[in-house]
Amino acid sequence: MALHLIVDNYATHKHAEVKDWLAQHPRFHLHFTPTSASWLNLVERFFRDITEERIRRGVFHSVDDLKTAIQEYLDHRNSNPKPYHWTAKPETILAKVDKAKDMLRTLH
């Protein structure tokens, strides 16, 4: 059975060793999110949230203070977890992707 993986455009996903591994495991197929589409990557969304809700507002006098703040944020968030929900309709997203492609074609 084929396994399709959606990944971002981070260079490690395109490294020669990864390509070699994928060639040896043909059931795995990588699909890349568009460049500059971090909103599609829920990990990026999470990092945006923790940055805005905890890190940017904090004053940390040491690495341990920062680690404590991050752990407190995670504990609070995990005490009442909620899934992320996209609110944009697929048609809207695809229209933005098409517009971005058109803009990229005009660059020299």
C-alpha atoms as a PDB file:
ATOM      1  CA  MET A   1       0.000   0.000   0.000  1.00  0.00           C
ATOM      2  CA  ALA A   2       1.340   3.440  -0.942  1.00  0.00           C
ATOM      3  CA  LEU A   3       1.945   5.953   1.804  1.00  0.00           C
ATOM      4  CA  HIS A   4       1.738   9.628   0.807  1.00  0.00           C
ATOM      5  CA  LEU A   5       3.544  12.079   3.085  1.00  0.00           C
ATOM      6  CA  ILE A   6       2.937  15.818   3.001  1.00  0.00           C
ATOM      7  CA  VAL A   7       6.040  17.730   4.039  1.00  0.00           C
ATOM      8  CA  ASP A   8       7.266  21.303   3.847  1.00  0.00           C
ATOM      9  CA  ASN A   9      10.028  22.444   1.522  1.00  0.00           C
ATOM     10  CA  TYR A  10      12.739  22.218   4.153  1.00  0.00           C
ATOM     11  CA  ALA A  11      16.024  21.205   2.519  1.00  0.00           C
ATOM     12  CA  THR A  12      16.462  18.066   4.620  1.00  0.00           C
ATOM     13  CA  HIS A  13      13.437  16.522   2.902  1.00  0.00           C
ATOM     14  CA  LYS A  14      15.277  16.833  -0.423  1.00  0.00           C
ATOM     15  CA  HIS A  15      18.695  15.670   0.786  1.00  0.00           C
ATOM     16  CA  ALA A  16      20.453  12.990  -1.272  1.00  0.00           C
ATOM     17  CA  GLU A  17      20.231  10.488   1.586  1.00  0.00           C
ATOM     18  CA  VAL A  18      16.476  11.015   1.810  1.00  0.00           C
ATOM     19  CA  LYS A  19      16.130  10.612  -1.951  1.00  0.00           C
ATOM     20  CA  ASP A  20      18.188   7.414  -1.813  1.00  0.00           C
ATOM     21  CA  TRP A  21      16.055   6.053   1.031  1.00  0.00           C
ATOM     22  CA  LEU A  22      12.859   6.886  -0.862  1.00  0.00           C
ATOM     23  CA  ALA A  23      14.215   5.149  -3.957  1.00  0.00           C
ATOM     24  CA  GLN A  24      14.740   2.014  -1.843  1.00  0.00           C
ATOM     25  CA  HIS A  25      11.233   2.291  -0.333  1.00  0.00           C
ATOM     26  CA  PRO A  26       8.927   2.959  -3.291  1.00  0.00           C
ATOM     27  CA  ARG A  27       5.723   2.825  -1.272  1.00  0.00           C
ATOM     28  CA  PHE A  28       6.579   6.226   0.253  1.00  0.00           C
ATOM     29  CA  HIS A  29       5.717   9.319  -1.806  1.00  0.00           C
ATOM     30  CA  LEU A  30       6.600  12.846  -0.684  1.00  0.00           C
ATOM     31  CA  HIS A  31       4.356  15.765  -1.571  1.00  0.00           C
ATOM     32  CA  PHE A  32       5.674  19.245  -0.784  1.00  0.00           C
ATOM     33  CA  THR A  33       3.645  22.167   0.479  1.00  0.00           C
ATOM     34  CA  PRO A  34       4.108  25.318  -1.590  1.00  0.00           C
ATOM     35  CA  THR A  35       7.042  27.576  -0.742  1.00  0.00           C
ATOM     36  CA  SER A  36       5.987  30.452   1.548  1.00  0.00           C
ATOM     37  CA  ALA A  37       2.913  28.553   2.672  1.00  0.00           C
ATOM     38  CA  SER A  38       3.826  28.036   6.314  1.00  0.00           C
ATOM     39  CA  TRP A  39       0.141  28.412   7.185  1.00  0.00           C
ATOM     40  CA  LEU A  40      -0.325  24.929   5.700  1.00  0.00           C
ATOM     41  CA  ASN A  41       2.126  23.455   8.175  1.00  0.00           C
ATOM     42  CA  LEU A  42       0.489  22.988  11.571  1.00  0.00           C
ATOM     43  CA  VAL A  43       3.874  22.793  13.294  1.00  0.00           C
ATOM     44  CA  GLU A  44       4.573  26.305  12.016  1.00  0.00           C
ATOM     45  CA  ARG A  45       1.160  27.345  13.278  1.00  0.00           C
ATOM     46  CA  PHE A  46       1.983  25.960  16.713  1.00  0.00           C
ATOM     47  CA  PHE A  47       5.313  27.823  16.816  1.00  0.00           C
ATOM     48  CA  ARG A  48       3.523  31.017  15.831  1.00  0.00           C
ATOM     49  CA  ASP A  49       1.047  30.507  18.673  1.00  0.00           C
ATOM     50  CA  ILE A  50       3.649  29.817  21.366  1.00  0.00           C
ATOM     51  CA  THR A  51       5.711  32.780  20.164  1.00  0.00           C
ATOM     52  CA  GLU A  52       2.772  35.184  20.237  1.00  0.00           C
ATOM     53  CA  GLU A  53       1.098  33.851  23.365  1.00  0.00           C
ATOM     54  CA  ARG A  54       4.095  33.211  25.593  1.00  0.00           C
ATOM     55  CA  ILE A  55       7.608  33.850  24.351  1.00  0.00           C
ATOM     56  CA  ARG A  56       7.236  37.335  22.876  1.00  0.00           C
ATOM     57  CA  ARG A  57       5.481  38.551  26.036  1.00  0.00           C
ATOM     58  CA  GLY A  58       8.061  37.134  28.404  1.00  0.00           C
ATOM     59  CA  VAL A  59      11.272  38.338  29.941  1.00  0.00           C
ATOM     60  CA  PHE A  60      13.731  35.517  30.470  1.00  0.00           C
ATOM     61  CA  HIS A  61      16.894  35.957  32.482  1.00  0.00           C
ATOM     62  CA  SER A  62      18.258  32.513  31.657  1.00  0.00           C
ATOM     63  CA  VAL A  63      17.755  29.541  29.382  1.00  0.00           C
ATOM     64  CA  ASP A  64      16.172  27.733  32.335  1.00  0.00           C
ATOM     65  CA  ASP A  65      13.608  30.561  32.658  1.00  0.00           C
ATOM     66  CA  LEU A  66      12.742  30.176  28.977  1.00  0.00           C
ATOM     67  CA  LYS A  67      12.491  26.386  29.276  1.00  0.00           C
ATOM     68  CA  THR A  68      10.200  26.758  32.292  1.00  0.00           C
ATOM     69  CA  ALA A  69       7.965  29.212  30.427  1.00  0.00           C
ATOM     70  CA  ILE A  70       7.717  26.872  27.444  1.00  0.00           C
ATOM     71  CA  GLN A  71       6.871  23.903  29.666  1.00  0.00           C
ATOM     72  CA  GLU A  72       4.208  25.918  31.508  1.00  0.00           C
ATOM     73  CA  TYR A  73       2.695  26.909  28.163  1.00  0.00           C
ATOM     74  CA  LEU A  74       2.639  23.280  27.021  1.00  0.00           C
ATOM     75  CA  ASP A  75       1.137  22.095  30.315  1.00  0.00           C
ATOM     76  CA  HIS A  76      -1.590  24.753  30.128  1.00  0.00           C
ATOM     77  CA  ARG A  77      -2.337  24.043  26.462  1.00  0.00           C
ATOM     78  CA  ASN A  78      -2.396  20.277  26.991  1.00  0.00           C
ATOM     79  CA  SER A  79      -4.724  20.526  29.999  1.00  0.00           C
ATOM     80  CA  ASN A  80      -7.533  21.394  27.566  1.00  0.00           C
ATOM     81  CA  PRO A  81      -6.313  20.468  24.078  1.00  0.00           C
ATOM     82  CA  LYS A  82      -8.134  21.682  21.005  1.00  0.00           C
ATOM     83  CA  PRO A  83      -7.419  20.714  17.407  1.00  0.00           C
ATOM     84  CA  TYR A  84      -6.529  23.271  14.800  1.00  0.00           C
ATOM     85  CA  HIS A  85      -9.252  23.913  12.254  1.00  0.00           C
ATOM     86  CA  TRP A  86      -8.722  25.558   8.921  1.00  0.00           C
ATOM     87  CA  THR A  87     -11.494  28.018   8.199  1.00  0.00           C
ATOM     88  CA  ALA A  88     -10.598  28.848   4.616  1.00  0.00           C
ATOM     89  CA  LYS A  89     -12.395  26.924   1.937  1.00  0.00           C
ATOM     90  CA  PRO A  90     -10.256  24.817  -0.431  1.00  0.00           C
ATOM     91  CA  GLU A  91     -11.284  26.965  -3.378  1.00  0.00           C
ATOM     92  CA  THR A  92      -9.967  30.084  -1.624  1.00  0.00           C
ATOM     93  CA  ILE A  93      -6.680  28.411  -0.786  1.00  0.00           C
ATOM     94  CA  LEU A  94      -6.191  27.113  -4.322  1.00  0.00           C
ATOM     95  CA  ALA A  95      -7.014  30.531  -5.776  1.00  0.00           C
ATOM     96  CA  LYS A  96      -4.287  32.074  -3.581  1.00  0.00           C
ATOM     97  CA  VAL A  97      -1.817  29.397  -4.667  1.00  0.00           C
ATOM     98  CA  ASP A  98      -2.632  30.095  -8.329  1.00  0.00           C
ATOM     99  CA  LYS A  99      -2.216  33.836  -7.762  1.00  0.00           C
ATOM    100  CA  ALA A 100       1.152  33.263  -6.073  1.00  0.00           C
ATOM    101  CA  LYS A 101       2.290  31.087  -8.990  1.00  0.00           C
ATOM    102  CA  ASP A 102       1.285  33.798 -11.437  1.00  0.00           C
ATOM    103  CA  MET A 103       3.244  36.395  -9.454  1.00  0.00           C
ATOM    104  CA  LEU A 104       6.312  34.160  -9.326  1.00  0.00           C
ATOM    105  CA  ARG A 105       6.224  33.764 -13.103  1.00  0.00           C
ATOM    106  CA  THR A 106       6.569  37.557 -13.507  1.00  0.00           C
ATOM    107  CA  LEU A 107       9.786  37.747 -11.475  1.00  0.00           C
ATOM    108  CA  HIS A 108      13.053  37.956 -13.363  1.00  0.00           C
END
